[in-house]
Amino acid sequence: MSADGTEVAPLRLSASRITAGTIRLAVAGEVDLGTEDALRQALTRLMGDGGVSRLVVDFADVSFLDASGIAALLAGYRYAEGRGIHFAVVNCRPKPLRVFEILALDKLLVG
């Protein structure tokens, strides 16, 4: 529970290999100040394992995204770019997608 008494949705992360070089990270819950560090660490860990040429971040079950979540995704994107890894966020629900659109990051991150 948060300080204001509202229920906090935990962040759930689940990684799976799609093909030899492609990893899918399924993200569920809210990506915000309280959960962005877990996302950032998962992204870095998955891309640091070697043999990864593509990371697909599946947002099908993300209900909320704030600026700190965007910062974590941008850090992941930059990390991937520096290693020649294709990085894409897929299956965005309308509310998180709207955040990407407002910040003009939909073309950069959403694939």
PDB file of N, CA and C in Angstrom:
ATOM      1  N   MET A   1       0.836  -1.168   0.000  1.00  0.00           N
ATOM      2  CA  MET A   1       0.000   0.000   0.000  1.00  0.00           C
ATOM      3  C   MET A   1       0.891   1.245   0.000  1.00  0.00           C
ATOM      4  N   SER A   2       0.482   2.248  -0.741  1.00  0.00           N
ATOM      5  CA  SER A   2       1.265   3.479  -0.822  1.00  0.00           C
ATOM      6  C   SER A   2       0.993   4.356   0.392  1.00  0.00           C
ATOM      7  N   ALA A   3       1.736   5.465   0.508  1.00  0.00           N
ATOM      8  CA  ALA A   3       1.600   6.380   1.631  1.00  0.00           C
ATOM      9  C   ALA A   3       0.201   6.987   1.711  1.00  0.00           C
ATOM     10  N   ASP A   4      -0.470   7.132   0.562  1.00  0.00           N
ATOM     11  CA  ASP A   4      -1.802   7.730   0.581  1.00  0.00           C
ATOM     12  C   ASP A   4      -2.913   6.694   0.760  1.00  0.00           C
ATOM     13  N   GLY A   5      -2.530   5.434   0.994  1.00  0.00           N
ATOM     14  CA  GLY A   5      -3.512   4.392   1.266  1.00  0.00           C
ATOM     15  C   GLY A   5      -4.037   3.663   0.050  1.00  0.00           C
ATOM     16  N   THR A   6      -3.578   4.017  -1.140  1.00  0.00           N
ATOM     17  CA  THR A   6      -4.035   3.315  -2.334  1.00  0.00           C
ATOM     18  C   THR A   6      -3.214   2.056  -2.554  1.00  0.00           C
ATOM     19  N   GLU A   7      -3.816   1.101  -3.176  1.00  0.00           N
ATOM     20  CA  GLU A   7      -3.156  -0.169  -3.483  1.00  0.00           C
ATOM     21  C   GLU A   7      -2.113   0.032  -4.574  1.00  0.00           C
ATOM     22  N   VAL A   8      -0.911  -0.483  -4.358  1.00  0.00           N
ATOM     23  CA  VAL A   8       0.164  -0.376  -5.340  1.00  0.00           C
ATOM     24  C   VAL A   8       0.244  -1.689  -6.118  1.00  0.00           C
ATOM     25  N   ALA A   9       0.199  -1.591  -7.435  1.00  0.00           N
ATOM     26  CA  ALA A   9       0.295  -2.780  -8.276  1.00  0.00           C
ATOM     27  C   ALA A   9       1.761  -3.185  -8.378  1.00  0.00           C
ATOM     28  N   PRO A  10       2.079  -4.409  -7.967  1.00  0.00           N
ATOM     29  CA  PRO A  10       3.476  -4.835  -8.079  1.00  0.00           C
ATOM     30  C   PRO A  10       3.870  -4.999  -9.548  1.00  0.00           C
ATOM     31  N   LEU A  11       5.150  -4.835  -9.782  1.00  0.00           N
ATOM     32  CA  LEU A  11       5.667  -5.033 -11.128  1.00  0.00           C
ATOM     33  C   LEU A  11       6.055  -6.495 -11.269  1.00  0.00           C
ATOM     34  N   ARG A  12       5.598  -7.118 -12.325  1.00  0.00           N
ATOM     35  CA  ARG A  12       5.948  -8.507 -12.603  1.00  0.00           C
ATOM     36  C   ARG A  12       6.725  -8.533 -13.905  1.00  0.00           C
ATOM     37  N   LEU A  13       7.877  -9.203 -13.871  1.00  0.00           N
ATOM     38  CA  LEU A  13       8.748  -9.301 -15.034  1.00  0.00           C
ATOM     39  C   LEU A  13       8.996 -10.769 -15.329  1.00  0.00           C
ATOM     40  N   SER A  14       8.861 -11.136 -16.591  1.00  0.00           N
ATOM     41  CA  SER A  14       9.067 -12.523 -16.986  1.00  0.00           C
ATOM     42  C   SER A  14       9.790 -12.554 -18.326  1.00  0.00           C
ATOM     43  N   ALA A  15      10.986 -13.121 -18.331  1.00  0.00           N
ATOM     44  CA  ALA A  15      11.795 -13.178 -19.554  1.00  0.00           C
ATOM     45  C   ALA A  15      11.699 -14.558 -20.177  1.00  0.00           C
ATOM     46  N   SER A  16      11.677 -14.571 -21.505  1.00  0.00           N
ATOM     47  CA  SER A  16      11.682 -15.834 -22.246  1.00  0.00           C
ATOM     48  C   SER A  16      12.431 -15.629 -23.557  1.00  0.00           C
ATOM     49  N   ARG A  17      13.053 -16.693 -24.012  1.00  0.00           N
ATOM     50  CA  ARG A  17      13.783 -16.649 -25.279  1.00  0.00           C
ATOM     51  C   ARG A  17      12.790 -16.997 -26.396  1.00  0.00           C
ATOM     52  N   ILE A  18      12.704 -16.110 -27.396  1.00  0.00           N
ATOM     53  CA  ILE A  18      11.807 -16.345 -28.534  1.00  0.00           C
ATOM     54  C   ILE A  18      12.549 -17.110 -29.620  1.00  0.00           C
ATOM     55  N   THR A  19      13.721 -16.625 -29.959  1.00  0.00           N
ATOM     56  CA  THR A  19      14.602 -17.296 -30.919  1.00  0.00           C
ATOM     57  C   THR A  19      16.013 -17.239 -30.342  1.00  0.00           C
ATOM     58  N   ALA A  20      16.977 -17.752 -31.073  1.00  0.00           N
ATOM     59  CA  ALA A  20      18.354 -17.804 -30.576  1.00  0.00           C
ATOM     60  C   ALA A  20      18.850 -16.443 -30.102  1.00  0.00           C
ATOM     61  N   GLY A  21      18.537 -15.357 -30.800  1.00  0.00           N
ATOM     62  CA  GLY A  21      19.044 -14.041 -30.422  1.00  0.00           C
ATOM     63  C   GLY A  21      18.015 -13.098 -29.847  1.00  0.00           C
ATOM     64  N   THR A  22      16.758 -13.539 -29.742  1.00  0.00           N
ATOM     65  CA  THR A  22      15.678 -12.652 -29.320  1.00  0.00           C
ATOM     66  C   THR A  22      15.132 -13.038 -27.956  1.00  0.00           C
ATOM     67  N   ILE A  23      15.098 -12.049 -27.062  1.00  0.00           N
ATOM     68  CA  ILE A  23      14.537 -12.226 -25.721  1.00  0.00           C
ATOM     69  C   ILE A  23      13.281 -11.376 -25.616  1.00  0.00           C
ATOM     70  N   ARG A  24      12.242 -11.926 -24.997  1.00  0.00           N
ATOM     71  CA  ARG A  24      11.003 -11.193 -24.719  1.00  0.00           C
ATOM     72  C   ARG A  24      10.926 -10.981 -23.218  1.00  0.00           C
ATOM     73  N   LEU A  25      10.764  -9.729 -22.816  1.00  0.00           N
ATOM     74  CA  LEU A  25      10.543  -9.405 -21.414  1.00  0.00           C
ATOM     75  C   LEU A  25       9.103  -8.952 -21.265  1.00  0.00           C
ATOM     76  N   ALA A  26       8.277  -9.789 -20.646  1.00  0.00           N
ATOM     77  CA  ALA A  26       6.882  -9.435 -20.388  1.00  0.00           C
ATOM     78  C   ALA A  26       6.840  -8.618 -19.103  1.00  0.00           C
ATOM     79  N   VAL A  27       6.229  -7.446 -19.194  1.00  0.00           N
ATOM     80  CA  VAL A  27       6.120  -6.532 -18.065  1.00  0.00           C
ATOM     81  C   VAL A  27       4.645  -6.415 -17.713  1.00  0.00           C
ATOM     82  N   ALA A  28       4.332  -6.523 -16.422  1.00  0.00           N
ATOM     83  CA  ALA A  28       2.936  -6.419 -15.989  1.00  0.00           C
ATOM     84  C   ALA A  28       2.872  -5.572 -14.725  1.00  0.00           C
ATOM     85  N   GLY A  29       1.844  -4.733 -14.645  1.00  0.00           N
ATOM     86  CA  GLY A  29       1.655  -3.870 -13.486  1.00  0.00           C
ATOM     87  C   GLY A  29       1.905  -2.426 -13.839  1.00  0.00           C
ATOM     88  N   GLU A  30       2.422  -1.685 -12.861  1.00  0.00           N
ATOM     89  CA  GLU A  30       2.674  -0.262 -13.047  1.00  0.00           C
ATOM     90  C   GLU A  30       4.171  -0.004 -13.110  1.00  0.00           C
ATOM     91  N   VAL A  31       4.589   0.771 -14.116  1.00  0.00           N
ATOM     92  CA  VAL A  31       5.994   1.149 -14.260  1.00  0.00           C
ATOM     93  C   VAL A  31       6.093   2.606 -13.807  1.00  0.00           C
ATOM     94  N   ASP A  32       6.578   2.779 -12.589  1.00  0.00           N
ATOM     95  CA  ASP A  32       6.620   4.114 -11.993  1.00  0.00           C
ATOM     96  C   ASP A  32       7.841   4.231 -11.088  1.00  0.00           C
ATOM     97  N   LEU A  33       7.882   5.269 -10.286  1.00  0.00           N
ATOM     98  CA  LEU A  33       9.026   5.535  -9.416  1.00  0.00           C
ATOM     99  C   LEU A  33       9.343   4.359  -8.493  1.00  0.00           C
ATOM    100  N   GLY A  34       8.334   3.661  -8.060  1.00  0.00           N
ATOM    101  CA  GLY A  34       8.534   2.542  -7.147  1.00  0.00           C
ATOM    102  C   GLY A  34       9.003   1.263  -7.816  1.00  0.00           C
ATOM    103  N   THR A  35       8.873   1.174  -9.130  1.00  0.00           N
ATOM    104  CA  THR A  35       9.205  -0.080  -9.820  1.00  0.00           C
ATOM    105  C   THR A  35      10.235   0.068 -10.931  1.00  0.00           C
ATOM    106  N   GLU A  36      10.590   1.299 -11.282  1.00  0.00           N
ATOM    107  CA  GLU A  36      11.469   1.506 -12.428  1.00  0.00           C
ATOM    108  C   GLU A  36      12.852   0.890 -12.252  1.00  0.00           C
ATOM    109  N   ASP A  37      13.352   0.841 -11.027  1.00  0.00           N
ATOM    110  CA  ASP A  37      14.679   0.270 -10.809  1.00  0.00           C
ATOM    111  C   ASP A  37      14.694  -1.221 -11.144  1.00  0.00           C
ATOM    112  N   ALA A  38      13.654  -1.931 -10.781  1.00  0.00           N
ATOM    113  CA  ALA A  38      13.564  -3.363 -11.107  1.00  0.00           C
ATOM    114  C   ALA A  38      13.550  -3.564 -12.618  1.00  0.00           C
ATOM    115  N   LEU A  39      12.814  -2.714 -13.337  1.00  0.00           N
ATOM    116  CA  LEU A  39      12.778  -2.807 -14.792  1.00  0.00           C
ATOM    117  C   LEU A  39      14.151  -2.505 -15.379  1.00  0.00           C
ATOM    118  N   ARG A  40      14.773  -1.448 -14.918  1.00  0.00           N
ATOM    119  CA  ARG A  40      16.091  -1.050 -15.416  1.00  0.00           C
ATOM    120  C   ARG A  40      17.104  -2.179 -15.215  1.00  0.00           C
ATOM    121  N   GLN A  41      17.105  -2.784 -14.043  1.00  0.00           N
ATOM    122  CA  GLN A  41      18.031  -3.876 -13.751  1.00  0.00           C
ATOM    123  C   GLN A  41      17.763  -5.093 -14.625  1.00  0.00           C
ATOM    124  N   ALA A  42      16.493  -5.417 -14.838  1.00  0.00           N
ATOM    125  CA  ALA A  42      16.143  -6.563 -15.681  1.00  0.00           C
ATOM    126  C   ALA A  42      16.599  -6.342 -17.121  1.00  0.00           C
ATOM    127  N   LEU A  43      16.395  -5.140 -17.641  1.00  0.00           N
ATOM    128  CA  LEU A  43      16.813  -4.833 -19.012  1.00  0.00           C
ATOM    129  C   LEU A  43      18.325  -4.993 -19.166  1.00  0.00           C
ATOM    130  N   THR A  44      19.062  -4.421 -18.239  1.00  0.00           N
ATOM    131  CA  THR A  44      20.524  -4.487 -18.295  1.00  0.00           C
ATOM    132  C   THR A  44      21.013  -5.926 -18.177  1.00  0.00           C
ATOM    133  N   ARG A  45      20.434  -6.672 -17.249  1.00  0.00           N
ATOM    134  CA  ARG A  45      20.840  -8.069 -17.045  1.00  0.00           C
ATOM    135  C   ARG A  45      20.576  -8.906 -18.295  1.00  0.00           C
ATOM    136  N   LEU A  46      19.414  -8.752 -18.890  1.00  0.00           N
ATOM    137  CA  LEU A  46      19.066  -9.550 -20.064  1.00  0.00           C
ATOM    138  C   LEU A  46      19.975  -9.243 -21.251  1.00  0.00           C
ATOM    139  N   MET A  47      20.302  -7.984 -21.439  1.00  0.00           N
ATOM    140  CA  MET A  47      21.154  -7.619 -22.575  1.00  0.00           C
ATOM    141  C   MET A  47      22.624  -7.903 -22.305  1.00  0.00           C
ATOM    142  N   GLY A  48      22.987  -8.082 -21.055  1.00  0.00           N
ATOM    143  CA  GLY A  48      24.368  -8.345 -20.711  1.00  0.00           C
ATOM    144  C   GLY A  48      24.752  -9.808 -20.801  1.00  0.00           C
ATOM    145  N   ASP A  49      23.775 -10.674 -21.037  1.00  0.00           N
ATOM    146  CA  ASP A  49      24.031 -12.113 -21.076  1.00  0.00           C
ATOM    147  C   ASP A  49      24.772 -12.574 -22.323  1.00  0.00           C
ATOM    148  N   GLY A  50      24.926 -11.723 -23.318  1.00  0.00           N
ATOM    149  CA  GLY A  50      25.604 -12.106 -24.561  1.00  0.00           C
ATOM    150  C   GLY A  50      24.693 -12.927 -25.454  1.00  0.00           C
ATOM    151  N   GLY A  51      24.939 -12.845 -26.723  1.00  0.00           N
ATOM    152  CA  GLY A  51      24.131 -13.591 -27.681  1.00  0.00           C
ATOM    153  C   GLY A  51      22.767 -12.987 -27.949  1.00  0.00           C
ATOM    154  N   VAL A  52      22.468 -11.836 -27.350  1.00  0.00           N
ATOM    155  CA  VAL A  52      21.179 -11.182 -27.558  1.00  0.00           C
ATOM    156  C   VAL A  52      21.337 -10.149 -28.670  1.00  0.00           C
ATOM    157  N   SER A  53      20.529 -10.275 -29.709  1.00  0.00           N
ATOM    158  CA  SER A  53      20.560  -9.299 -30.794  1.00  0.00           C
ATOM    159  C   SER A  53      19.275  -8.462 -30.823  1.00  0.00           C
ATOM    160  N   ARG A  54      18.254  -8.912 -30.087  1.00  0.00           N
ATOM    161  CA  ARG A  54      16.968  -8.211 -30.076  1.00  0.00           C
ATOM    162  C   ARG A  54      16.306  -8.414 -28.712  1.00  0.00           C
ATOM    163  N   LEU A  55      15.837  -7.310 -28.128  1.00  0.00           N
ATOM    164  CA  LEU A  55      15.075  -7.379 -26.884  1.00  0.00           C
ATOM    165  C   LEU A  55      13.701  -6.781 -27.138  1.00  0.00           C
ATOM    166  N   VAL A  56      12.682  -7.575 -26.909  1.00  0.00           N
ATOM    167  CA  VAL A  56      11.297  -7.159 -27.087  1.00  0.00           C
ATOM    168  C   VAL A  56      10.692  -6.992 -25.698  1.00  0.00           C
ATOM    169  N   VAL A  57      10.271  -5.777 -25.374  1.00  0.00           N
ATOM    170  CA  VAL A  57       9.673  -5.479 -24.078  1.00  0.00           C
ATOM    171  C   VAL A  57       8.158  -5.438 -24.290  1.00  0.00           C
ATOM    172  N   ASP A  58       7.477  -6.448 -23.773  1.00  0.00           N
ATOM    173  CA  ASP A  58       6.042  -6.618 -24.008  1.00  0.00           C
ATOM    174  C   ASP A  58       5.242  -5.903 -22.917  1.00  0.00           C
ATOM    175  N   PHE A  59       4.528  -4.858 -23.309  1.00  0.00           N
ATOM    176  CA  PHE A  59       3.758  -4.023 -22.385  1.00  0.00           C
ATOM    177  C   PHE A  59       2.266  -4.371 -22.373  1.00  0.00           C
ATOM    178  N   ALA A  60       1.888  -5.553 -22.819  1.00  0.00           N
ATOM    179  CA  ALA A  60       0.473  -5.926 -22.903  1.00  0.00           C
ATOM    180  C   ALA A  60      -0.250  -5.812 -21.567  1.00  0.00           C
ATOM    181  N   ASP A  61       0.459  -6.044 -20.470  1.00  0.00           N
ATOM    182  CA  ASP A  61      -0.170  -6.018 -19.150  1.00  0.00           C
ATOM    183  C   ASP A  61       0.291  -4.853 -18.278  1.00  0.00           C
ATOM    184  N   VAL A  62       0.793  -3.792 -18.909  1.00  0.00           N
ATOM    185  CA  VAL A  62       1.186  -2.590 -18.172  1.00  0.00           C
ATOM    186  C   VAL A  62      -0.010  -1.649 -18.115  1.00  0.00           C
ATOM    187  N   SER A  63      -0.404  -1.295 -16.902  1.00  0.00           N
ATOM    188  CA  SER A  63      -1.579  -0.441 -16.730  1.00  0.00           C
ATOM    189  C   SER A  63      -1.236   1.028 -16.536  1.00  0.00           C
ATOM    190  N   PHE A  64       0.033   1.318 -16.177  1.00  0.00           N
ATOM    191  CA  PHE A  64       0.410   2.699 -15.886  1.00  0.00           C
ATOM    192  C   PHE A  64       1.887   2.884 -16.195  1.00  0.00           C
ATOM    193  N   LEU A  65       2.240   4.042 -16.732  1.00  0.00           N
ATOM    194  CA  LEU A  65       3.617   4.373 -17.057  1.00  0.00           C
ATOM    195  C   LEU A  65       3.840   5.841 -16.741  1.00  0.00           C
ATOM    196  N   ASP A  66       4.886   6.142 -15.943  1.00  0.00           N
ATOM    197  CA  ASP A  66       5.184   7.542 -15.659  1.00  0.00           C
ATOM    198  C   ASP A  66       6.576   7.903 -16.159  1.00  0.00           C
ATOM    199  N   ALA A  67       7.029   9.101 -15.836  1.00  0.00           N
ATOM    200  CA  ALA A  67       8.303   9.610 -16.343  1.00  0.00           C
ATOM    201  C   ALA A  67       9.491   8.758 -15.903  1.00  0.00           C
ATOM    202  N   SER A  68       9.456   8.237 -14.691  1.00  0.00           N
ATOM    203  CA  SER A  68      10.571   7.400 -14.244  1.00  0.00           C
ATOM    204  C   SER A  68      10.606   6.091 -15.025  1.00  0.00           C
ATOM    205  N   GLY A  69       9.447   5.583 -15.400  1.00  0.00           N
ATOM    206  CA  GLY A  69       9.395   4.390 -16.250  1.00  0.00           C
ATOM    207  C   GLY A  69       9.946   4.676 -17.633  1.00  0.00           C
ATOM    208  N   ILE A  70       9.617   5.841 -18.156  1.00  0.00           N
ATOM    209  CA  ILE A  70      10.167   6.261 -19.449  1.00  0.00           C
ATOM    210  C   ILE A  70      11.690   6.366 -19.353  1.00  0.00           C
ATOM    211  N   ALA A  71      12.183   6.920 -18.259  1.00  0.00           N
ATOM    212  CA  ALA A  71      13.633   7.049 -18.071  1.00  0.00           C
ATOM    213  C   ALA A  71      14.304   5.678 -18.057  1.00  0.00           C
ATOM    214  N   ALA A  72      13.686   4.711 -17.408  1.00  0.00           N
ATOM    215  CA  ALA A  72      14.240   3.351 -17.373  1.00  0.00           C
ATOM    216  C   ALA A  72      14.275   2.742 -18.772  1.00  0.00           C
ATOM    217  N   LEU A  73      13.211   2.951 -19.538  1.00  0.00           N
ATOM    218  CA  LEU A  73      13.167   2.424 -20.907  1.00  0.00           C
ATOM    219  C   LEU A  73      14.196   3.112 -21.803  1.00  0.00           C
ATOM    220  N   LEU A  74      14.345   4.417 -21.655  1.00  0.00           N
ATOM    221  CA  LEU A  74      15.353   5.130 -22.446  1.00  0.00           C
ATOM    222  C   LEU A  74      16.767   4.666 -22.086  1.00  0.00           C
ATOM    223  N   ALA A  75      17.007   4.412 -20.812  1.00  0.00           N
ATOM    224  CA  ALA A  75      18.316   3.880 -20.402  1.00  0.00           C
ATOM    225  C   ALA A  75      18.541   2.512 -21.039  1.00  0.00           C
ATOM    226  N   GLY A  76      17.499   1.684 -21.059  1.00  0.00           N
ATOM    227  CA  GLY A  76      17.602   0.382 -21.705  1.00  0.00           C
ATOM    228  C   GLY A  76      17.847   0.504 -23.197  1.00  0.00           C
ATOM    229  N   TYR A  77      17.165   1.444 -23.815  1.00  0.00           N
ATOM    230  CA  TYR A  77      17.347   1.678 -25.251  1.00  0.00           C
ATOM    231  C   TYR A  77      18.787   2.103 -25.548  1.00  0.00           C
ATOM    232  N   ARG A  78      19.303   3.035 -24.771  1.00  0.00           N
ATOM    233  CA  ARG A  78      20.688   3.501 -24.971  1.00  0.00           C
ATOM    234  C   ARG A  78      21.689   2.375 -24.734  1.00  0.00           C
ATOM    235  N   TYR A  79      21.446   1.566 -23.724  1.00  0.00           N
ATOM    236  CA  TYR A  79      22.310   0.419 -23.427  1.00  0.00           C
ATOM    237  C   TYR A  79      22.309  -0.540 -24.615  1.00  0.00           C
ATOM    238  N   ALA A  80      21.122  -0.808 -25.145  1.00  0.00           N
ATOM    239  CA  ALA A  80      20.993  -1.704 -26.300  1.00  0.00           C
ATOM    240  C   ALA A  80      21.688  -1.124 -27.521  1.00  0.00           C
ATOM    241  N   GLU A  81      21.450   0.142 -27.778  1.00  0.00           N
ATOM    242  CA  GLU A  81      22.027   0.803 -28.943  1.00  0.00           C
ATOM    243  C   GLU A  81      23.556   0.729 -28.913  1.00  0.00           C
ATOM    244  N   GLY A  82      24.134   0.902 -27.741  1.00  0.00           N
ATOM    245  CA  GLY A  82      25.579   0.842 -27.599  1.00  0.00           C
ATOM    246  C   GLY A  82      26.161  -0.538 -27.841  1.00  0.00           C
ATOM    247  N   ARG A  83      25.320  -1.549 -27.801  1.00  0.00           N
ATOM    248  CA  ARG A  83      25.761  -2.929 -28.002  1.00  0.00           C
ATOM    249  C   ARG A  83      25.235  -3.536 -29.297  1.00  0.00           C
ATOM    250  N   GLY A  84      24.598  -2.711 -30.121  1.00  0.00           N
ATOM    251  CA  GLY A  84      24.073  -3.202 -31.396  1.00  0.00           C
ATOM    252  C   GLY A  84      22.871  -4.119 -31.250  1.00  0.00           C
ATOM    253  N   ILE A  85      22.123  -3.947 -30.173  1.00  0.00           N
ATOM    254  CA  ILE A  85      20.934  -4.765 -29.914  1.00  0.00           C
ATOM    255  C   ILE A  85      19.695  -3.971 -30.313  1.00  0.00           C
ATOM    256  N   HIS A  86      18.799  -4.597 -31.072  1.00  0.00           N
ATOM    257  CA  HIS A  86      17.526  -3.956 -31.424  1.00  0.00           C
ATOM    258  C   HIS A  86      16.628  -3.993 -30.200  1.00  0.00           C
ATOM    259  N   PHE A  87      16.032  -2.859 -29.837  1.00  0.00           N
ATOM    260  CA  PHE A  87      15.205  -2.709 -28.639  1.00  0.00           C
ATOM    261  C   PHE A  87      13.839  -2.192 -29.064  1.00  0.00           C
ATOM    262  N   ALA A  88      12.773  -2.855 -28.650  1.00  0.00           N
ATOM    263  CA  ALA A  88      11.436  -2.386 -29.008  1.00  0.00           C
ATOM    264  C   ALA A  88      10.435  -2.711 -27.911  1.00  0.00           C
ATOM    265  N   VAL A  89       9.547  -1.760 -27.659  1.00  0.00           N
ATOM    266  CA  VAL A  89       8.416  -1.969 -26.756  1.00  0.00           C
ATOM    267  C   VAL A  89       7.224  -2.317 -27.636  1.00  0.00           C
ATOM    268  N   VAL A  90       6.525  -3.397 -27.307  1.00  0.00           N
ATOM    269  CA  VAL A  90       5.408  -3.870 -28.127  1.00  0.00           C
ATOM    270  C   VAL A  90       4.150  -4.035 -27.268  1.00  0.00           C
ATOM    271  N   ASN A  91       3.021  -4.151 -27.941  1.00  0.00           N
ATOM    272  CA  ASN A  91       1.731  -4.442 -27.312  1.00  0.00           C
ATOM    273  C   ASN A  91       1.324  -3.434 -26.242  1.00  0.00           C
ATOM    274  N   CYS A  92       1.535  -2.149 -26.522  1.00  0.00           N
ATOM    275  CA  CYS A  92       1.174  -1.102 -25.556  1.00  0.00           C
ATOM    276  C   CYS A  92      -0.332  -0.932 -25.472  1.00  0.00           C
ATOM    277  N   ARG A  93      -0.827  -0.834 -24.270  1.00  0.00           N
ATOM    278  CA  ARG A  93      -2.216  -0.488 -24.045  1.00  0.00           C
ATOM    279  C   ARG A  93      -2.370   1.016 -24.289  1.00  0.00           C
ATOM    280  N   PRO A  94      -3.596   1.493 -24.432  1.00  0.00           N
ATOM    281  CA  PRO A  94      -3.807   2.902 -24.786  1.00  0.00           C
ATOM    282  C   PRO A  94      -3.172   3.923 -23.841  1.00  0.00           C
ATOM    283  N   LYS A  95      -3.278   3.747 -22.533  1.00  0.00           N
ATOM    284  CA  LYS A  95      -2.739   4.759 -21.610  1.00  0.00           C
ATOM    285  C   LYS A  95      -1.215   4.838 -21.683  1.00  0.00           C
ATOM    286  N   PRO A  96      -0.479   3.717 -21.563  1.00  0.00           N
ATOM    287  CA  PRO A  96       0.976   3.827 -21.719  1.00  0.00           C
ATOM    288  C   PRO A  96       1.379   4.321 -23.112  1.00  0.00           C
ATOM    289  N   LEU A  97       0.673   3.890 -24.140  1.00  0.00           N
ATOM    290  CA  LEU A  97       0.984   4.338 -25.493  1.00  0.00           C
ATOM    291  C   LEU A  97       0.824   5.849 -25.609  1.00  0.00           C
ATOM    292  N   ARG A  98      -0.178   6.395 -24.952  1.00  0.00           N
ATOM    293  CA  ARG A  98      -0.400   7.843 -24.992  1.00  0.00           C
ATOM    294  C   ARG A  98       0.789   8.596 -24.385  1.00  0.00           C
ATOM    295  N   VAL A  99       1.386   8.051 -23.332  1.00  0.00           N
ATOM    296  CA  VAL A  99       2.574   8.672 -22.730  1.00  0.00           C
ATOM    297  C   VAL A  99       3.707   8.708 -23.750  1.00  0.00           C
ATOM    298  N   PHE A 100       3.925   7.594 -24.440  1.00  0.00           N
ATOM    299  CA  PHE A 100       4.951   7.553 -25.490  1.00  0.00           C
ATOM    300  C   PHE A 100       4.669   8.605 -26.570  1.00  0.00           C
ATOM    301  N   GLU A 101       3.403   8.718 -26.973  1.00  0.00           N
ATOM    302  CA  GLU A 101       3.037   9.663 -28.025  1.00  0.00           C
ATOM    303  C   GLU A 101       3.241  11.111 -27.587  1.00  0.00           C
ATOM    304  N   ILE A 102       2.844  11.435 -26.371  1.00  0.00           N
ATOM    305  CA  ILE A 102       2.990  12.797 -25.861  1.00  0.00           C
ATOM    306  C   ILE A 102       4.454  13.208 -25.844  1.00  0.00           C
ATOM    307  N   LEU A 103       5.326  12.276 -25.492  1.00  0.00           N
ATOM    308  CA  LEU A 103       6.761  12.562 -25.409  1.00  0.00           C
ATOM    309  C   LEU A 103       7.475  12.348 -26.741  1.00  0.00           C
ATOM    310  N   ALA A 104       6.714  12.026 -27.781  1.00  0.00           N
ATOM    311  CA  ALA A 104       7.253  11.764 -29.120  1.00  0.00           C
ATOM    312  C   ALA A 104       8.294  10.646 -29.098  1.00  0.00           C
ATOM    313  N   LEU A 105       8.046   9.644 -28.250  1.00  0.00           N
ATOM    314  CA  LEU A 105       8.940   8.486 -28.168  1.00  0.00           C
ATOM    315  C   LEU A 105       8.335   7.244 -28.807  1.00  0.00           C
ATOM    316  N   ASP A 106       7.122   7.368 -29.306  1.00  0.00           N
ATOM    317  CA  ASP A 106       6.468   6.207 -29.910  1.00  0.00           C
ATOM    318  C   ASP A 106       7.222   5.701 -31.122  1.00  0.00           C
ATOM    319  N   LYS A 107       7.780   6.581 -31.916  1.00  0.00           N
ATOM    320  CA  LYS A 107       8.525   6.164 -33.111  1.00  0.00           C
ATOM    321  C   LYS A 107       9.878   5.549 -32.740  1.00  0.00           C
ATOM    322  N   LEU A 108      10.456   5.995 -31.636  1.00  0.00           N
ATOM    323  CA  LEU A 108      11.772   5.517 -31.213  1.00  0.00           C
ATOM    324  C   LEU A 108      11.686   4.193 -30.473  1.00  0.00           C
ATOM    325  N   LEU A 109      10.744   4.060 -29.552  1.00  0.00           N
ATOM    326  CA  LEU A 109      10.711   2.896 -28.679  1.00  0.00           C
ATOM    327  C   LEU A 109       9.659   1.853 -29.028  1.00  0.00           C
ATOM    328  N   VAL A 110       8.550   2.291 -29.566  1.00  0.00           N
ATOM    329  CA  VAL A 110       7.430   1.366 -29.797  1.00  0.00           C
ATOM    330  C   VAL A 110       7.564   0.754 -31.167  1.00  0.00           C
ATOM    331  N   GLY A 111       7.595  -0.586 -31.211  1.00  0.00           N
ATOM    332  CA  GLY A 111       7.795  -1.253 -32.489  1.00  0.00           C
ATOM    333  C   GLY A 111       6.871  -2.309 -32.767  1.00  0.00           C
TER     334      GLY A 111
END
